[in-house]
PDB file of all heavy atoms in Angstrom:
ATOM      1  N   SER A   1     -14.109 -13.216  32.199  1.00  0.00           N
ATOM      2  CA  SER A   1     -15.067 -12.166  32.578  1.00  0.00           C
ATOM      3  C   SER A   1     -15.957 -11.888  31.370  1.00  0.00           C
ATOM      4  O   SER A   1     -15.694 -12.353  30.258  1.00  0.00           O
ATOM      5  CB  SER A   1     -14.327 -10.895  32.998  1.00  0.00           C
ATOM      6  OG  SER A   1     -13.690 -10.308  31.878  1.00  0.00           O
ATOM      7  N   TRP A   2     -17.024 -11.097  31.608  1.00  0.00           N
ATOM      8  CA  TRP A   2     -17.915 -10.739  30.494  1.00  0.00           C
ATOM      9  C   TRP A   2     -17.169  -9.939  29.438  1.00  0.00           C
ATOM     10  O   TRP A   2     -17.388 -10.121  28.240  1.00  0.00           O
ATOM     11  CB  TRP A   2     -19.117  -9.948  31.010  1.00  0.00           C
ATOM     12  CG  TRP A   2     -20.084 -10.812  31.746  1.00  0.00           C
ATOM     13  CD1 TRP A   2     -20.278 -10.858  33.091  1.00  0.00           C
ATOM     14  CD2 TRP A   2     -20.964 -11.774  31.181  1.00  0.00           C
ATOM     15  NE1 TRP A   2     -21.227 -11.798  33.409  1.00  0.00           N
ATOM     16  CE2 TRP A   2     -21.668 -12.373  32.238  1.00  0.00           C
ATOM     17  CE3 TRP A   2     -21.224 -12.193  29.894  1.00  0.00           C
ATOM     18  CZ2 TRP A   2     -22.611 -13.371  32.040  1.00  0.00           C
ATOM     19  CZ3 TRP A   2     -22.173 -13.192  29.690  1.00  0.00           C
ATOM     20  CH2 TRP A   2     -22.851 -13.768  30.751  1.00  0.00           C
ATOM     21  N   GLY A   3     -16.276  -9.065  29.869  1.00  0.00           N
ATOM     22  CA  GLY A   3     -15.506  -8.263  28.914  1.00  0.00           C
ATOM     23  C   GLY A   3     -14.589  -9.117  28.057  1.00  0.00           C
ATOM     24  O   GLY A   3     -14.505  -8.931  26.843  1.00  0.00           O
ATOM     25  N   ASN A   4     -13.888 -10.066  28.695  1.00  0.00           N
ATOM     26  CA  ASN A   4     -13.011 -10.964  27.924  1.00  0.00           C
ATOM     27  C   ASN A   4     -13.815 -11.844  26.981  1.00  0.00           C
ATOM     28  O   ASN A   4     -13.383 -12.115  25.863  1.00  0.00           O
ATOM     29  CB  ASN A   4     -12.174 -11.821  28.868  1.00  0.00           C
ATOM     30  CG  ASN A   4     -11.031 -11.064  29.475  1.00  0.00           C
ATOM     31  OD1 ASN A   4     -10.704  -9.968  29.033  1.00  0.00           O
ATOM     32  ND2 ASN A   4     -10.425 -11.635  30.500  1.00  0.00           N
ATOM     33  N   ALA A   5     -14.980 -12.299  27.414  1.00  0.00           N
ATOM     34  CA  ALA A   5     -15.824 -13.111  26.544  1.00  0.00           C
ATOM     35  C   ALA A   5     -16.286 -12.294  25.333  1.00  0.00           C
ATOM     36  O   ALA A   5     -16.269 -12.777  24.197  1.00  0.00           O
ATOM     37  CB  ALA A   5     -17.023 -13.650  27.318  1.00  0.00           C
ATOM     38  N   ALA A   6     -16.684 -11.043  25.565  1.00  0.00           N
ATOM     39  CA  ALA A   6     -17.120 -10.185  24.456  1.00  0.00           C
ATOM     40  C   ALA A   6     -15.967  -9.938  23.486  1.00  0.00           C
ATOM     41  O   ALA A   6     -16.149 -10.011  22.256  1.00  0.00           O
ATOM     42  CB  ALA A   6     -17.656  -8.865  24.994  1.00  0.00           C
ATOM     43  N   LEU A   7     -14.773  -9.643  24.019  1.00  0.00           N
ATOM     44  CA  LEU A   7     -13.610  -9.439  23.155  1.00  0.00           C
ATOM     45  C   LEU A   7     -13.276 -10.702  22.371  1.00  0.00           C
ATOM     46  O   LEU A   7     -12.890 -10.632  21.194  1.00  0.00           O
ATOM     47  CB  LEU A   7     -12.407  -8.990  23.976  1.00  0.00           C
ATOM     48  CG  LEU A   7     -12.437  -7.556  24.487  1.00  0.00           C
ATOM     49  CD1 LEU A   7     -11.251  -7.294  25.398  1.00  0.00           C
ATOM     50  CD2 LEU A   7     -12.442  -6.583  23.322  1.00  0.00           C
ATOM     51  N   THR A   8     -13.407 -11.859  22.990  1.00  0.00           N
ATOM     52  CA  THR A   8     -13.145 -13.117  22.305  1.00  0.00           C
ATOM     53  C   THR A   8     -14.104 -13.296  21.137  1.00  0.00           C
ATOM     54  O   THR A   8     -13.695 -13.656  20.024  1.00  0.00           O
ATOM     55  CB  THR A   8     -13.261 -14.300  23.285  1.00  0.00           C
ATOM     56  OG1 THR A   8     -12.289 -14.140  24.309  1.00  0.00           O
ATOM     57  CG2 THR A   8     -13.046 -15.622  22.575  1.00  0.00           C
ATOM     58  N   PHE A   9     -15.395 -13.043  21.360  1.00  0.00           N
ATOM     59  CA  PHE A   9     -16.375 -13.199  20.282  1.00  0.00           C
ATOM     60  C   PHE A   9     -16.169 -12.167  19.176  1.00  0.00           C
ATOM     61  O   PHE A   9     -16.334 -12.475  17.991  1.00  0.00           O
ATOM     62  CB  PHE A   9     -17.806 -13.148  20.837  1.00  0.00           C
ATOM     63  CG  PHE A   9     -18.190 -14.399  21.557  1.00  0.00           C
ATOM     64  CD1 PHE A   9     -18.583 -14.349  22.886  1.00  0.00           C
ATOM     65  CD2 PHE A   9     -18.165 -15.634  20.917  1.00  0.00           C
ATOM     66  CE1 PHE A   9     -18.935 -15.505  23.565  1.00  0.00           C
ATOM     67  CE2 PHE A   9     -18.522 -16.795  21.588  1.00  0.00           C
ATOM     68  CZ  PHE A   9     -18.902 -16.738  22.915  1.00  0.00           C
ATOM     69  N   VAL A  10     -15.799 -10.947  19.533  1.00  0.00           N
ATOM     70  CA  VAL A  10     -15.508  -9.924  18.521  1.00  0.00           C
ATOM     71  C   VAL A  10     -14.302 -10.345  17.686  1.00  0.00           C
ATOM     72  O   VAL A  10     -14.319 -10.243  16.452  1.00  0.00           O
ATOM     73  CB  VAL A  10     -15.284  -8.540  19.183  1.00  0.00           C
ATOM     74  CG1 VAL A  10     -14.685  -7.555  18.203  1.00  0.00           C
ATOM     75  CG2 VAL A  10     -16.587  -8.012  19.741  1.00  0.00           C
ATOM     76  N   ALA A  11     -13.251 -10.845  18.348  1.00  0.00           N
ATOM     77  CA  ALA A  11     -12.063 -11.296  17.613  1.00  0.00           C
ATOM     78  C   ALA A  11     -12.400 -12.464  16.696  1.00  0.00           C
ATOM     79  O   ALA A  11     -11.946 -12.512  15.541  1.00  0.00           O
ATOM     80  CB  ALA A  11     -10.955 -11.687  18.592  1.00  0.00           C
ATOM     81  N   LEU A  12     -13.198 -13.410  17.172  1.00  0.00           N
ATOM     82  CA  LEU A  12     -13.601 -14.540  16.321  1.00  0.00           C
ATOM     83  C   LEU A  12     -14.439 -14.068  15.133  1.00  0.00           C
ATOM     84  O   LEU A  12     -14.285 -14.591  14.018  1.00  0.00           O
ATOM     85  CB  LEU A  12     -14.380 -15.562  17.149  1.00  0.00           C
ATOM     86  CG  LEU A  12     -13.561 -16.393  18.122  1.00  0.00           C
ATOM     87  CD1 LEU A  12     -14.466 -17.242  19.003  1.00  0.00           C
ATOM     88  CD2 LEU A  12     -12.565 -17.261  17.375  1.00  0.00           C
ATOM     89  N   ALA A  13     -15.304 -13.079  15.338  1.00  0.00           N
ATOM     90  CA  ALA A  13     -16.113 -12.545  14.234  1.00  0.00           C
ATOM     91  C   ALA A  13     -15.223 -11.862  13.205  1.00  0.00           C
ATOM     92  O   ALA A  13     -15.407 -12.046  11.984  1.00  0.00           O
ATOM     93  CB  ALA A  13     -17.155 -11.568  14.770  1.00  0.00           C
ATOM     94  N   ILE A  14     -14.241 -11.095  13.658  1.00  0.00           N
ATOM     95  CA  ILE A  14     -13.323 -10.433  12.720  1.00  0.00           C
ATOM     96  C   ILE A  14     -12.538 -11.466  11.926  1.00  0.00           C
ATOM     97  O   ILE A  14     -12.380 -11.339  10.706  1.00  0.00           O
ATOM     98  CB  ILE A  14     -12.395  -9.462  13.479  1.00  0.00           C
ATOM     99  CG1 ILE A  14     -13.195  -8.259  13.991  1.00  0.00           C
ATOM    100  CG2 ILE A  14     -11.239  -9.004  12.591  1.00  0.00           C
ATOM    101  CD1 ILE A  14     -12.423  -7.348  14.923  1.00  0.00           C
ATOM    102  N   VAL A  15     -12.046 -12.494  12.592  1.00  0.00           N
ATOM    103  CA  VAL A  15     -11.321 -13.553  11.893  1.00  0.00           C
ATOM    104  C   VAL A  15     -12.231 -14.229  10.864  1.00  0.00           C
ATOM    105  O   VAL A  15     -11.841 -14.464   9.718  1.00  0.00           O
ATOM    106  CB  VAL A  15     -10.744 -14.577  12.898  1.00  0.00           C
ATOM    107  CG1 VAL A  15     -10.264 -15.827  12.199  1.00  0.00           C
ATOM    108  CG2 VAL A  15      -9.623 -13.950  13.709  1.00  0.00           C
ATOM    109  N   TYR A  16     -13.469 -14.514  11.260  1.00  0.00           N
ATOM    110  CA  TYR A  16     -14.404 -15.159  10.341  1.00  0.00           C
ATOM    111  C   TYR A  16     -14.702 -14.272   9.138  1.00  0.00           C
ATOM    112  O   TYR A  16     -14.710 -14.733   8.005  1.00  0.00           O
ATOM    113  CB  TYR A  16     -15.699 -15.501  11.081  1.00  0.00           C
ATOM    114  CG  TYR A  16     -16.745 -16.119  10.190  1.00  0.00           C
ATOM    115  CD1 TYR A  16     -16.660 -17.455   9.811  1.00  0.00           C
ATOM    116  CD2 TYR A  16     -17.802 -15.360   9.709  1.00  0.00           C
ATOM    117  CE1 TYR A  16     -17.617 -18.017   8.981  1.00  0.00           C
ATOM    118  CE2 TYR A  16     -18.764 -15.914   8.880  1.00  0.00           C
ATOM    119  CZ  TYR A  16     -18.670 -17.241   8.520  1.00  0.00           C
ATOM    120  OH  TYR A  16     -19.606 -17.793   7.694  1.00  0.00           O
ATOM    121  N   TRP A  17     -14.932 -12.969   9.364  1.00  0.00           N
ATOM    122  CA  TRP A  17     -15.273 -12.056   8.271  1.00  0.00           C
ATOM    123  C   TRP A  17     -14.091 -11.749   7.357  1.00  0.00           C
ATOM    124  O   TRP A  17     -14.284 -11.259   6.250  1.00  0.00           O
ATOM    125  CB  TRP A  17     -15.846 -10.754   8.806  1.00  0.00           C
ATOM    126  CG  TRP A  17     -17.227 -10.902   9.359  1.00  0.00           C
ATOM    127  CD1 TRP A  17     -18.207 -11.751   8.928  1.00  0.00           C
ATOM    128  CD2 TRP A  17     -17.783 -10.183  10.455  1.00  0.00           C
ATOM    129  NE1 TRP A  17     -19.325 -11.614   9.685  1.00  0.00           N
ATOM    130  CE2 TRP A  17     -19.101 -10.645  10.646  1.00  0.00           C
ATOM    131  CE3 TRP A  17     -17.302  -9.192  11.297  1.00  0.00           C
ATOM    132  CZ2 TRP A  17     -19.939 -10.157  11.621  1.00  0.00           C
ATOM    133  CZ3 TRP A  17     -18.145  -8.700  12.282  1.00  0.00           C
ATOM    134  CH2 TRP A  17     -19.436  -9.176  12.436  1.00  0.00           C
ATOM    135  N   THR A  18     -12.876 -12.010   7.801  1.00  0.00           N
ATOM    136  CA  THR A  18     -11.714 -11.765   6.937  1.00  0.00           C
ATOM    137  C   THR A  18     -11.166 -13.046   6.324  1.00  0.00           C
ATOM    138  O   THR A  18     -10.808 -13.061   5.152  1.00  0.00           O
ATOM    139  CB  THR A  18     -10.598 -11.050   7.716  1.00  0.00           C
ATOM    140  OG1 THR A  18     -10.252 -11.823   8.860  1.00  0.00           O
ATOM    141  CG2 THR A  18     -11.010  -9.661   8.128  1.00  0.00           C
ATOM    142  N   VAL A  19     -11.097 -14.116   7.082  1.00  0.00           N
ATOM    143  CA  VAL A  19     -10.480 -15.347   6.582  1.00  0.00           C
ATOM    144  C   VAL A  19     -11.378 -16.049   5.574  1.00  0.00           C
ATOM    145  O   VAL A  19     -10.906 -16.499   4.519  1.00  0.00           O
ATOM    146  CB  VAL A  19     -10.096 -16.274   7.750  1.00  0.00           C
ATOM    147  CG1 VAL A  19      -9.666 -17.639   7.252  1.00  0.00           C
ATOM    148  CG2 VAL A  19      -8.993 -15.640   8.578  1.00  0.00           C
ATOM    149  N   VAL A  20     -12.666 -16.167   5.868  1.00  0.00           N
ATOM    150  CA  VAL A  20     -13.565 -16.889   4.956  1.00  0.00           C
ATOM    151  C   VAL A  20     -13.621 -16.227   3.575  1.00  0.00           C
ATOM    152  O   VAL A  20     -13.466 -16.919   2.557  1.00  0.00           O
ATOM    153  CB  VAL A  20     -14.969 -17.055   5.585  1.00  0.00           C
ATOM    154  CG1 VAL A  20     -15.968 -17.586   4.573  1.00  0.00           C
ATOM    155  CG2 VAL A  20     -14.890 -17.974   6.790  1.00  0.00           C
ATOM    156  N   PRO A  21     -13.806 -14.904   3.467  1.00  0.00           N
ATOM    157  CA  PRO A  21     -13.782 -14.305   2.122  1.00  0.00           C
ATOM    158  C   PRO A  21     -12.433 -14.461   1.425  1.00  0.00           C
ATOM    159  O   PRO A  21     -12.382 -14.662   0.215  1.00  0.00           O
ATOM    160  CB  PRO A  21     -14.104 -12.827   2.367  1.00  0.00           C
ATOM    161  CG  PRO A  21     -14.799 -12.791   3.665  1.00  0.00           C
ATOM    162  CD  PRO A  21     -14.227 -13.910   4.464  1.00  0.00           C
ATOM    163  N   PHE A  22     -11.336 -14.368   2.185  1.00  0.00           N
ATOM    164  CA  PHE A  22     -10.024 -14.544   1.565  1.00  0.00           C
ATOM    165  C   PHE A  22      -9.861 -15.950   1.017  1.00  0.00           C
ATOM    166  O   PHE A  22      -9.395 -16.124  -0.114  1.00  0.00           O
ATOM    167  CB  PHE A  22      -8.901 -14.239   2.554  1.00  0.00           C
ATOM    168  CG  PHE A  22      -7.548 -14.565   1.993  1.00  0.00           C
ATOM    169  CD1 PHE A  22      -6.957 -13.727   1.059  1.00  0.00           C
ATOM    170  CD2 PHE A  22      -6.889 -15.729   2.361  1.00  0.00           C
ATOM    171  CE1 PHE A  22      -5.726 -14.039   0.509  1.00  0.00           C
ATOM    172  CE2 PHE A  22      -5.663 -16.049   1.810  1.00  0.00           C
ATOM    173  CZ  PHE A  22      -5.073 -15.204   0.887  1.00  0.00           C
ATOM    174  N   VAL A  23     -10.226 -16.955   1.778  1.00  0.00           N
ATOM    175  CA  VAL A  23     -10.107 -18.346   1.313  1.00  0.00           C
ATOM    176  C   VAL A  23     -11.005 -18.565   0.103  1.00  0.00           C
ATOM    177  O   VAL A  23     -10.602 -19.226  -0.873  1.00  0.00           O
ATOM    178  CB  VAL A  23     -10.426 -19.326   2.458  1.00  0.00           C
ATOM    179  CG1 VAL A  23     -10.577 -20.748   1.946  1.00  0.00           C
ATOM    180  CG2 VAL A  23      -9.343 -19.254   3.527  1.00  0.00           C
ATOM    181  N   THR A  24     -12.199 -18.001   0.135  1.00  0.00           N
ATOM    182  CA  THR A  24     -13.104 -18.124  -1.014  1.00  0.00           C
ATOM    183  C   THR A  24     -12.491 -17.479  -2.248  1.00  0.00           C
ATOM    184  O   THR A  24     -12.502 -18.070  -3.338  1.00  0.00           O
ATOM    185  CB  THR A  24     -14.461 -17.468  -0.686  1.00  0.00           C
ATOM    186  OG1 THR A  24     -15.002 -18.093   0.468  1.00  0.00           O
ATOM    187  CG2 THR A  24     -15.424 -17.611  -1.854  1.00  0.00           C
ATOM    188  N   TRP A  25     -11.939 -16.272  -2.096  1.00  0.00           N
ATOM    189  CA  TRP A  25     -11.325 -15.575  -3.226  1.00  0.00           C
ATOM    190  C   TRP A  25     -10.073 -16.298  -3.713  1.00  0.00           C
ATOM    191  O   TRP A  25      -9.881 -16.482  -4.914  1.00  0.00           O
ATOM    192  CB  TRP A  25     -10.965 -14.140  -2.822  1.00  0.00           C
ATOM    193  CG  TRP A  25     -10.169 -13.415  -3.848  1.00  0.00           C
ATOM    194  CD1 TRP A  25     -10.644 -12.771  -4.954  1.00  0.00           C
ATOM    195  CD2 TRP A  25      -8.749 -13.278  -3.877  1.00  0.00           C
ATOM    196  NE1 TRP A  25      -9.612 -12.239  -5.664  1.00  0.00           N
ATOM    197  CE2 TRP A  25      -8.426 -12.534  -5.028  1.00  0.00           C
ATOM    198  CE3 TRP A  25      -7.714 -13.701  -3.063  1.00  0.00           C
ATOM    199  CZ2 TRP A  25      -7.119 -12.215  -5.375  1.00  0.00           C
ATOM    200  CZ3 TRP A  25      -6.411 -13.379  -3.402  1.00  0.00           C
ATOM    201  CH2 TRP A  25      -6.132 -12.647  -4.543  1.00  0.00           C
TER     202      TRP A  25
END
């Protein structure tokens, strides 16, 4: 559904914003 798709993209954005800086650090 549109809601599940939005939640999926939000979760992927959170993972990207936390994992990439951690790996870089």
